[in-house]
Every structure is written in structure tokens, then in C-alpha cells.
Amino acid sequence: MINTALVVRQKGVSQVYSDLPVLSQYAKDWIHLLENTSSQRIHQRAIHSTFGQVEVNFPTKLGPVSIRLMLSRPAVLSEWVARVLQLTIDGHEDMALKEISLATMRFKAKQEFSKLEDDLASFDLKALPDIVLVALLRNTFSVRSQISCWNPLIAQTERILQERERDSRSLLRGLKSYS
């Protein structure tokens, strides 16, 4: 089953469409159309890509519309991701950190950045302890320019840490510049 939802928000009211077989392609087609349009009717569109979702905002004659595509997580997790998740569930964060370090080192050595990106996107970040969240960022910092989900990953990690009432500035020191 596709774990995708299309949210169309207009004038503060949201319509959510999910669990439709053609939903994912429909939403992607809309986003592609909006990205490539030069129409005067659709202007000042804003495309936001965050960890696990893409949102397009654009004005229409009826008012502003927002389309959000929630990207589905892969049905089968890669071996190292599953190990990290199991180790954190079992309370072995130190072993999870070692697994993250070894796996990211292998991806960097082989320059398999798209595979690393897919694996990073498969994590349920809210389920991870603080130390594991930060380790994912620190171990991928040197290749962040090759991983398109890295900036959304750090943004979502910062939000999660703030929700947990942690000092995100201290934990993310060196990874993000604060003004």
C-alpha cells in the first residue's frame, strides 16, 4: 500500500486525499507542472522540500492553494537502518552510533550518495534518541552537498530537539550557523 497523502489547503481549509493508487503520480505531476509553468495565473509559487514531504504553494483566482505530497517510506528498510533502529529500541545507543559511523563511511568510500540519501529518508526521526539524531548529521556533514535531504534533515532534527526541550544550538554546534 502506498503511504502517500495529498493535502490541498485553500483559505485555511484542508482536504486530505490518501490511499489512492494514482495519488502519488497525480501529486508529482501537479508539482512538476507547477515547477515548470510560466503561466501568469500561477505566479509567486513557493516550493518547499522538507524531510519526507514536498509542498507547493501558489495563488489562484479563488485564493492561495497549497499542495503537499507526503513521501512514503520504503516498505523494506536497509540492513544498517534496521540495525540502528533495533539497537536504539534495545537501549544500545553506543552500538547504534558505531553502526551509523561504519555505514556512512562505506557509503562515502563508494560514493553511493543516492543510496545514503534513501536510507536517511527511511528513518522515523521522532523515534530516535537525541544522540542518534545528532550522529546521523555529524557522520554525513562532510558529504552534505551530495545529499539533497541533508538540509531538511537538520531542520527537522532541530525542531524535534526543540520539541523535546533540548538545547539544539549546543547539540548542533558546528553543523548549523546561528546568527
C-alpha atoms as a PDB file:
ATOM      1  CA  MET A   1       0.000   0.000   0.000  1.00  0.00           C
ATOM      2  CA  ILE A   2       1.279   3.465  -0.834  1.00  0.00           C
ATOM      3  CA  ASN A   3       1.758   5.598   2.262  1.00  0.00           C
ATOM      4  CA  THR A   4       1.178   8.902   0.475  1.00  0.00           C
ATOM      5  CA  ALA A   5      -1.184  11.743   1.242  1.00  0.00           C
ATOM      6  CA  LEU A   6      -2.081  14.763  -0.853  1.00  0.00           C
ATOM      7  CA  VAL A   7      -3.186  17.772   1.150  1.00  0.00           C
ATOM      8  CA  VAL A   8      -4.846  20.612  -0.730  1.00  0.00           C
ATOM      9  CA  ARG A   9      -5.217  23.631   1.534  1.00  0.00           C
ATOM     10  CA  GLN A  10      -7.266  26.628   0.437  1.00  0.00           C
ATOM     11  CA  LYS A  11      -8.487  29.512   2.589  1.00  0.00           C
ATOM     12  CA  GLY A  12      -7.481  27.708   5.771  1.00  0.00           C
ATOM     13  CA  VAL A  13      -9.452  24.557   4.900  1.00  0.00           C
ATOM     14  CA  SER A  14      -7.551  21.388   4.092  1.00  0.00           C
ATOM     15  CA  GLN A  15      -8.743  18.481   2.000  1.00  0.00           C
ATOM     16  CA  VAL A  16      -6.724  15.321   2.535  1.00  0.00           C
ATOM     17  CA  TYR A  17      -6.647  12.612  -0.114  1.00  0.00           C
ATOM     18  CA  SER A  18      -4.858   9.386   0.731  1.00  0.00           C
ATOM     19  CA  ASP A  19      -4.657   5.686  -0.049  1.00  0.00           C
ATOM     20  CA  LEU A  20      -5.499   6.175  -3.706  1.00  0.00           C
ATOM     21  CA  PRO A  21      -3.468   4.100  -6.182  1.00  0.00           C
ATOM     22  CA  VAL A  22      -2.808   7.025  -8.524  1.00  0.00           C
ATOM     23  CA  LEU A  23      -2.315   9.628  -5.808  1.00  0.00           C
ATOM     24  CA  SER A  24       1.455   9.684  -5.772  1.00  0.00           C
ATOM     25  CA  GLN A  25       1.773  10.137  -9.521  1.00  0.00           C
ATOM     26  CA  TYR A  26      -1.051  12.698  -9.566  1.00  0.00           C
ATOM     27  CA  ALA A  27       0.637  14.833  -6.913  1.00  0.00           C
ATOM     28  CA  LYS A  28       4.037  14.512  -8.579  1.00  0.00           C
ATOM     29  CA  ASP A  29       2.500  15.547 -11.910  1.00  0.00           C
ATOM     30  CA  TRP A  30       0.969  18.635 -10.260  1.00  0.00           C
ATOM     31  CA  ILE A  31       4.249  19.580  -8.655  1.00  0.00           C
ATOM     32  CA  HIS A  32       6.117  19.075 -11.933  1.00  0.00           C
ATOM     33  CA  LEU A  33       3.545  21.185 -13.786  1.00  0.00           C
ATOM     34  CA  LEU A  34       3.810  23.966 -11.229  1.00  0.00           C
ATOM     35  CA  GLU A  35       7.604  23.889 -11.211  1.00  0.00           C
ATOM     36  CA  ASN A  36       7.745  24.261 -14.979  1.00  0.00           C
ATOM     37  CA  THR A  37       4.869  26.623 -15.630  1.00  0.00           C
ATOM     38  CA  SER A  38       5.344  30.129 -16.897  1.00  0.00           C
ATOM     39  CA  SER A  39       1.659  30.956 -16.755  1.00  0.00           C
ATOM     40  CA  GLN A  40       0.666  34.371 -15.442  1.00  0.00           C
ATOM     41  CA  ARG A  41      -2.164  32.782 -13.458  1.00  0.00           C
ATOM     42  CA  ILE A  42       0.263  30.776 -11.368  1.00  0.00           C
ATOM     43  CA  HIS A  43       2.922  33.108 -10.089  1.00  0.00           C
ATOM     44  CA  GLN A  44       4.970  33.556  -6.956  1.00  0.00           C
ATOM     45  CA  ARG A  45       4.781  29.857  -6.327  1.00  0.00           C
ATOM     46  CA  ALA A  46       6.828  28.567  -3.451  1.00  0.00           C
ATOM     47  CA  ILE A  47       8.178  25.053  -3.397  1.00  0.00           C
ATOM     48  CA  HIS A  48       9.302  23.733  -0.025  1.00  0.00           C
ATOM     49  CA  SER A  49      11.002  20.385   0.238  1.00  0.00           C
ATOM     50  CA  THR A  50      11.228  19.096   3.764  1.00  0.00           C
ATOM     51  CA  PHE A  51      12.214  15.751   5.119  1.00  0.00           C
ATOM     52  CA  GLY A  52       9.522  13.360   3.889  1.00  0.00           C
ATOM     53  CA  GLN A  53       7.320  15.867   2.073  1.00  0.00           C
ATOM     54  CA  VAL A  54       7.159  18.349  -0.781  1.00  0.00           C
ATOM     55  CA  GLU A  55       4.838  21.329  -0.575  1.00  0.00           C
ATOM     56  CA  VAL A  56       3.884  23.732  -3.360  1.00  0.00           C
ATOM     57  CA  ASN A  57       2.077  26.979  -2.599  1.00  0.00           C
ATOM     58  CA  PHE A  58       0.585  29.110  -5.353  1.00  0.00           C
ATOM     59  CA  PRO A  59      -2.109  31.763  -5.753  1.00  0.00           C
ATOM     60  CA  THR A  60      -5.229  31.201  -7.824  1.00  0.00           C
ATOM     61  CA  LYS A  61      -8.276  33.286  -8.647  1.00  0.00           C
ATOM     62  CA  LEU A  62     -10.027  31.610  -5.717  1.00  0.00           C
ATOM     63  CA  GLY A  63      -7.185  32.375  -3.287  1.00  0.00           C
ATOM     64  CA  PRO A  64      -3.912  30.724  -2.279  1.00  0.00           C
ATOM     65  CA  VAL A  65      -3.643  26.947  -2.629  1.00  0.00           C
ATOM     66  CA  SER A  66      -1.119  24.635  -1.033  1.00  0.00           C
ATOM     67  CA  ILE A  67      -0.467  21.102  -2.268  1.00  0.00           C
ATOM     68  CA  ARG A  68       1.592  18.864   0.000  1.00  0.00           C
ATOM     69  CA  LEU A  69       2.844  15.438  -1.033  1.00  0.00           C
ATOM     70  CA  MET A  70       3.867  13.219   1.851  1.00  0.00           C
ATOM     71  CA  LEU A  71       6.557  10.907   0.550  1.00  0.00           C
ATOM     72  CA  SER A  72       6.234   7.306   1.545  1.00  0.00           C
ATOM     73  CA  ARG A  73       8.936   5.431   3.379  1.00  0.00           C
ATOM     74  CA  PRO A  74      10.286   2.270   1.756  1.00  0.00           C
ATOM     75  CA  ALA A  75       8.490  -0.909   2.788  1.00  0.00           C
ATOM     76  CA  VAL A  76      11.778  -2.691   3.456  1.00  0.00           C
ATOM     77  CA  LEU A  77      14.490  -0.931   5.427  1.00  0.00           C
ATOM     78  CA  SER A  78      18.114  -1.414   4.510  1.00  0.00           C
ATOM     79  CA  GLU A  79      20.054  -3.710   6.813  1.00  0.00           C
ATOM     80  CA  TRP A  80      22.035  -0.995   8.602  1.00  0.00           C
ATOM     81  CA  VAL A  81      18.963   1.208   9.163  1.00  0.00           C
ATOM     82  CA  ALA A  82      17.080  -1.741  10.669  1.00  0.00           C
ATOM     83  CA  ARG A  83      20.083  -2.499  12.918  1.00  0.00           C
ATOM     84  CA  VAL A  84      20.291   1.117  14.124  1.00  0.00           C
ATOM     85  CA  LEU A  85      16.567   1.133  14.893  1.00  0.00           C
ATOM     86  CA  GLN A  86      16.730  -2.179  16.764  1.00  0.00           C
ATOM     87  CA  LEU A  87      19.788  -1.106  18.749  1.00  0.00           C
ATOM     88  CA  THR A  88      18.086   2.115  19.843  1.00  0.00           C
ATOM     89  CA  ILE A  89      14.935   0.201  20.831  1.00  0.00           C
ATOM     90  CA  ASP A  90      17.101  -2.142  22.905  1.00  0.00           C
ATOM     91  CA  GLY A  91      18.818   0.833  24.578  1.00  0.00           C
ATOM     92  CA  HIS A  92      22.210   0.275  22.949  1.00  0.00           C
ATOM     93  CA  GLU A  93      22.777   3.785  21.584  1.00  0.00           C
ATOM     94  CA  ASP A  94      26.564   3.349  21.691  1.00  0.00           C
ATOM     95  CA  MET A  95      26.358   0.375  19.316  1.00  0.00           C
ATOM     96  CA  ALA A  96      23.895   2.302  17.113  1.00  0.00           C
ATOM     97  CA  LEU A  97      26.442   5.135  16.850  1.00  0.00           C
ATOM     98  CA  LYS A  98      29.103   2.659  15.741  1.00  0.00           C
ATOM     99  CA  GLU A  99      26.733   1.236  13.109  1.00  0.00           C
ATOM    100  CA  ILE A 100      25.965   4.735  11.797  1.00  0.00           C
ATOM    101  CA  SER A 101      29.655   5.563  11.586  1.00  0.00           C
ATOM    102  CA  LEU A 102      30.553   2.340   9.756  1.00  0.00           C
ATOM    103  CA  ALA A 103      27.651   2.537   7.311  1.00  0.00           C
ATOM    104  CA  THR A 104      28.169   6.187   6.399  1.00  0.00           C
ATOM    105  CA  MET A 105      31.904   5.583   5.995  1.00  0.00           C
ATOM    106  CA  ARG A 106      31.148   2.777   3.495  1.00  0.00           C
ATOM    107  CA  PHE A 107      28.740   4.994   1.520  1.00  0.00           C
ATOM    108  CA  LYS A 108      31.299   7.805   1.398  1.00  0.00           C
ATOM    109  CA  ALA A 109      34.091   5.471   0.270  1.00  0.00           C
ATOM    110  CA  LYS A 110      31.930   4.009  -2.505  1.00  0.00           C
ATOM    111  CA  GLN A 111      30.383   7.429  -3.264  1.00  0.00           C
ATOM    112  CA  GLU A 112      26.887   5.931  -3.051  1.00  0.00           C
ATOM    113  CA  PHE A 113      25.250   9.187  -2.043  1.00  0.00           C
ATOM    114  CA  SER A 114      21.817   8.453  -3.504  1.00  0.00           C
ATOM    115  CA  LYS A 115      21.628   5.191  -1.531  1.00  0.00           C
ATOM    116  CA  LEU A 116      22.710   7.032   1.618  1.00  0.00           C
ATOM    117  CA  GLU A 117      20.048   9.662   0.943  1.00  0.00           C
ATOM    118  CA  ASP A 118      17.348   6.989   0.537  1.00  0.00           C
ATOM    119  CA  ASP A 119      18.427   5.316   3.761  1.00  0.00           C
ATOM    120  CA  LEU A 120      18.435   8.600   5.688  1.00  0.00           C
ATOM    121  CA  ALA A 121      14.910   9.326   4.434  1.00  0.00           C
ATOM    122  CA  SER A 122      13.715   5.950   5.723  1.00  0.00           C
ATOM    123  CA  PHE A 123      14.393   6.832   9.374  1.00  0.00           C
ATOM    124  CA  ASP A 124      11.489   7.849  11.565  1.00  0.00           C
ATOM    125  CA  LEU A 125      13.372  10.723  13.177  1.00  0.00           C
ATOM    126  CA  LYS A 126      10.915  11.273  16.018  1.00  0.00           C
ATOM    127  CA  ALA A 127      11.532   7.717  17.224  1.00  0.00           C
ATOM    128  CA  LEU A 128      15.305   8.213  17.529  1.00  0.00           C
ATOM    129  CA  PRO A 129      17.106   9.351  20.681  1.00  0.00           C
ATOM    130  CA  ASP A 130      18.856  12.736  20.594  1.00  0.00           C
ATOM    131  CA  ILE A 131      22.347  11.264  20.367  1.00  0.00           C
ATOM    132  CA  VAL A 132      21.424   9.145  17.326  1.00  0.00           C
ATOM    133  CA  LEU A 133      19.783  12.113  15.571  1.00  0.00           C
ATOM    134  CA  VAL A 134      22.904  14.196  16.010  1.00  0.00           C
ATOM    135  CA  ALA A 135      25.154  11.282  14.984  1.00  0.00           C
ATOM    136  CA  LEU A 136      23.319  10.955  11.659  1.00  0.00           C
ATOM    137  CA  LEU A 137      24.037  14.628  10.971  1.00  0.00           C
ATOM    138  CA  ARG A 138      27.640  14.605  12.163  1.00  0.00           C
ATOM    139  CA  ASN A 139      28.506  11.483  10.168  1.00  0.00           C
ATOM    140  CA  THR A 140      27.039  12.900   6.951  1.00  0.00           C
ATOM    141  CA  PHE A 141      28.196  16.522   7.370  1.00  0.00           C
ATOM    142  CA  SER A 142      31.233  16.117   5.089  1.00  0.00           C
ATOM    143  CA  VAL A 143      29.027  14.967   2.180  1.00  0.00           C
ATOM    144  CA  ARG A 144      26.018  17.192   2.872  1.00  0.00           C
ATOM    145  CA  SER A 145      26.323  18.856  -0.547  1.00  0.00           C
ATOM    146  CA  GLN A 146      25.791  15.458  -2.236  1.00  0.00           C
ATOM    147  CA  ILE A 147      22.715  14.630  -0.130  1.00  0.00           C
ATOM    148  CA  SER A 148      19.656  16.677  -1.080  1.00  0.00           C
ATOM    149  CA  CYS A 149      17.781  15.720   2.084  1.00  0.00           C
ATOM    150  CA  TRP A 150      20.546  16.952   4.420  1.00  0.00           C
ATOM    151  CA  ASN A 151      19.205  20.484   4.973  1.00  0.00           C
ATOM    152  CA  PRO A 152      15.658  19.246   5.625  1.00  0.00           C
ATOM    153  CA  LEU A 153      17.178  16.588   7.911  1.00  0.00           C
ATOM    154  CA  ILE A 154      18.947  19.175  10.060  1.00  0.00           C
ATOM    155  CA  ALA A 155      15.854  21.412  10.101  1.00  0.00           C
ATOM    156  CA  GLN A 156      13.613  18.575  11.255  1.00  0.00           C
ATOM    157  CA  THR A 157      16.197  17.426  13.798  1.00  0.00           C
ATOM    158  CA  GLU A 158      16.334  20.954  15.208  1.00  0.00           C
ATOM    159  CA  ARG A 159      12.517  21.047  15.517  1.00  0.00           C
ATOM    160  CA  ILE A 160      12.471  17.648  17.233  1.00  0.00           C
ATOM    161  CA  LEU A 161      15.158  18.720  19.701  1.00  0.00           C
ATOM    162  CA  GLN A 162      13.253  21.922  20.465  1.00  0.00           C
ATOM    163  CA  GLU A 163      10.017  19.961  20.991  1.00  0.00           C
ATOM    164  CA  ARG A 164      11.936  17.767  23.438  1.00  0.00           C
ATOM    165  CA  GLU A 165      13.141  20.954  25.164  1.00  0.00           C
ATOM    166  CA  ARG A 166      16.793  20.204  24.403  1.00  0.00           C
ATOM    167  CA  ASP A 167      19.442  22.842  23.697  1.00  0.00           C
ATOM    168  CA  SER A 168      19.502  22.440  19.916  1.00  0.00           C
ATOM    169  CA  ARG A 169      22.095  25.222  19.495  1.00  0.00           C
ATOM    170  CA  SER A 170      24.544  23.334  21.652  1.00  0.00           C
ATOM    171  CA  LEU A 171      23.786  19.899  20.201  1.00  0.00           C
ATOM    172  CA  LEU A 172      24.023  21.119  16.598  1.00  0.00           C
ATOM    173  CA  ARG A 173      27.087  23.341  17.158  1.00  0.00           C
ATOM    174  CA  GLY A 174      29.312  23.264  14.099  1.00  0.00           C
ATOM    175  CA  LEU A 175      26.585  21.785  11.909  1.00  0.00           C
ATOM    176  CA  LYS A 176      24.480  24.916  11.639  1.00  0.00           C
ATOM    177  CA  SER A 177      25.331  28.564  11.914  1.00  0.00           C
ATOM    178  CA  TYR A 178      23.176  30.687  14.169  1.00  0.00           C
ATOM    179  CA  SER A 179      23.057  34.450  13.786  1.00  0.00           C
END
